Amino acid sequence: MIHSDSSVQYASQDLKKILKKYAFIQSMSRKGNCWDVNAVAESFFHTLKTQLIYHIRFNNFEEAQRIIFKYIEIYYIQRRKHSVNGWKAPAHCEQEWYKLKKMA
């Protein structure tokens, strides 16, 4: 699933064709309704673009897929500390949650 605002680039027929080709479902916030926007997703994609995407020229789709996967799975989840959860990496918070769940 791909969620976005309803700006021109996300509403384009070109993007709709690509999403259909790869069997993605498009979710779009209603025009002019700021409450539809997923703040967590918006923050994540801003970080992804500013810390990675804007600094690399990918040679092909496979390279982009590999590098983005590594960024998300190895850096963003395992190592990158987030202010919203006490400056811990998401994987660390998940481990703590499972420990608390076991104890309950």
Protein backbone atom coordinates (compact mmCIF):
# COMPACT_ATOMS: atom_id res chain seq x y z
CA MET A 1 0.00 0.00 0.00
CA ILE A 2 1.20 3.49 -0.88
CA HIS A 3 -0.29 6.38 1.10
CA SER A 4 0.21 9.99 0.06
CA ASP A 5 -1.40 13.37 -0.04
CA SER A 6 -3.39 14.31 -3.12
CA SER A 7 -0.77 16.49 -4.79
CA VAL A 8 -0.28 16.38 -8.55
CA GLN A 9 2.64 13.95 -8.66
CA TYR A 10 0.74 11.35 -6.61
CA ALA A 11 -2.49 11.75 -8.59
CA SER A 12 -0.83 11.41 -12.00
CA GLN A 13 -1.84 8.72 -14.45
CA ASP A 14 1.83 7.73 -14.85
CA LEU A 15 2.13 6.89 -11.17
CA LYS A 16 -1.22 5.05 -11.19
CA LYS A 17 0.04 2.86 -14.06
CA ILE A 18 3.25 2.03 -12.20
CA LEU A 19 1.38 1.18 -9.01
CA LYS A 20 -1.02 -1.03 -10.93
CA LYS A 21 1.87 -2.79 -12.71
CA TYR A 22 3.43 -3.77 -9.38
CA ALA A 23 0.08 -4.52 -7.68
CA PHE A 24 0.28 -1.66 -5.18
CA ILE A 25 -2.87 -0.24 -3.63
CA GLN A 26 -2.97 3.56 -3.57
CA SER A 27 -4.29 5.33 -0.50
CA MET A 28 -4.66 9.09 -0.77
CA SER A 29 -5.78 11.68 1.71
CA ARG A 30 -8.76 13.81 0.79
CA LYS A 31 -7.96 17.12 -0.83
CA GLY A 32 -7.59 19.92 1.69
CA ASN A 33 -8.05 17.65 4.70
CA CYS A 34 -4.84 17.79 6.73
CA TRP A 35 -6.23 15.27 9.24
CA ASP A 36 -6.03 12.50 6.63
CA VAL A 37 -2.26 12.70 6.39
CA ASN A 38 -0.36 10.06 8.31
CA ALA A 39 2.22 12.09 10.24
CA VAL A 40 4.41 9.08 11.02
CA ALA A 41 4.61 8.05 7.36
CA GLU A 42 5.18 11.64 6.26
CA SER A 43 8.05 11.98 8.74
CA PHE A 44 9.59 8.67 7.69
CA PHE A 45 9.52 9.50 3.98
CA HIS A 46 10.93 12.97 4.63
CA THR A 47 13.83 11.36 6.51
CA LEU A 48 14.34 8.72 3.82
CA LYS A 49 14.47 11.34 1.07
CA THR A 50 16.67 13.88 2.85
CA GLN A 51 19.12 11.39 4.36
CA LEU A 52 19.38 8.99 1.42
CA ILE A 53 17.42 9.46 -1.81
CA TYR A 54 18.48 13.03 -2.58
CA HIS A 55 22.16 12.09 -2.22
CA ILE A 56 22.31 9.08 -4.56
CA ARG A 57 21.82 8.60 -8.27
CA PHE A 58 20.68 5.01 -8.66
CA ASN A 59 21.81 3.12 -11.76
CA ASN A 60 18.69 0.97 -11.96
CA PHE A 61 15.62 -0.18 -10.05
CA GLU A 62 17.38 -3.18 -8.48
CA GLU A 63 20.14 -1.00 -7.08
CA ALA A 64 17.61 1.46 -5.67
CA GLN A 65 15.64 -1.38 -4.12
CA ARG A 66 18.76 -2.92 -2.53
CA ILE A 67 20.10 0.37 -1.12
CA ILE A 68 16.73 1.53 0.20
CA PHE A 69 16.10 -1.88 1.79
CA LYS A 70 19.48 -1.74 3.55
CA TYR A 71 18.82 1.82 4.73
CA ILE A 72 15.45 0.87 6.23
CA GLU A 73 16.20 -2.60 7.61
CA ILE A 74 19.77 -2.08 8.83
CA TYR A 75 20.13 1.62 9.58
CA TYR A 76 16.67 3.11 10.21
CA ILE A 77 15.23 0.24 12.27
CA GLN A 78 18.33 -1.23 13.90
CA ARG A 79 20.58 1.78 14.53
CA ARG A 80 18.94 5.18 13.99
CA LYS A 81 17.85 6.72 17.27
CA HIS A 82 14.46 8.46 17.29
CA SER A 83 13.52 11.36 19.55
CA VAL A 84 9.91 10.16 19.86
CA ASN A 85 10.94 7.01 21.73
CA GLY A 86 13.59 8.31 24.10
CA TRP A 87 16.44 8.33 21.59
CA LYS A 88 16.36 4.57 21.04
CA ALA A 89 16.34 2.65 17.79
CA PRO A 90 12.96 1.11 16.87
CA ALA A 91 14.36 -2.43 17.14
CA HIS A 92 15.46 -1.70 20.71
CA CYS A 93 11.99 -0.44 21.62
CA GLU A 94 10.43 -3.53 20.07
CA GLN A 95 12.72 -5.79 22.13
CA GLU A 96 11.73 -3.91 25.29
CA TRP A 97 8.05 -4.28 24.40
CA TYR A 98 8.38 -8.06 23.97
CA LYS A 99 10.17 -8.33 27.32
CA LEU A 100 7.38 -6.41 29.06
CA LYS A 101 4.76 -8.51 27.30
CA LYS A 102 6.44 -11.73 28.52
CA MET A 103 6.51 -10.43 32.09
CA ALA A 104 2.81 -9.51 32.08
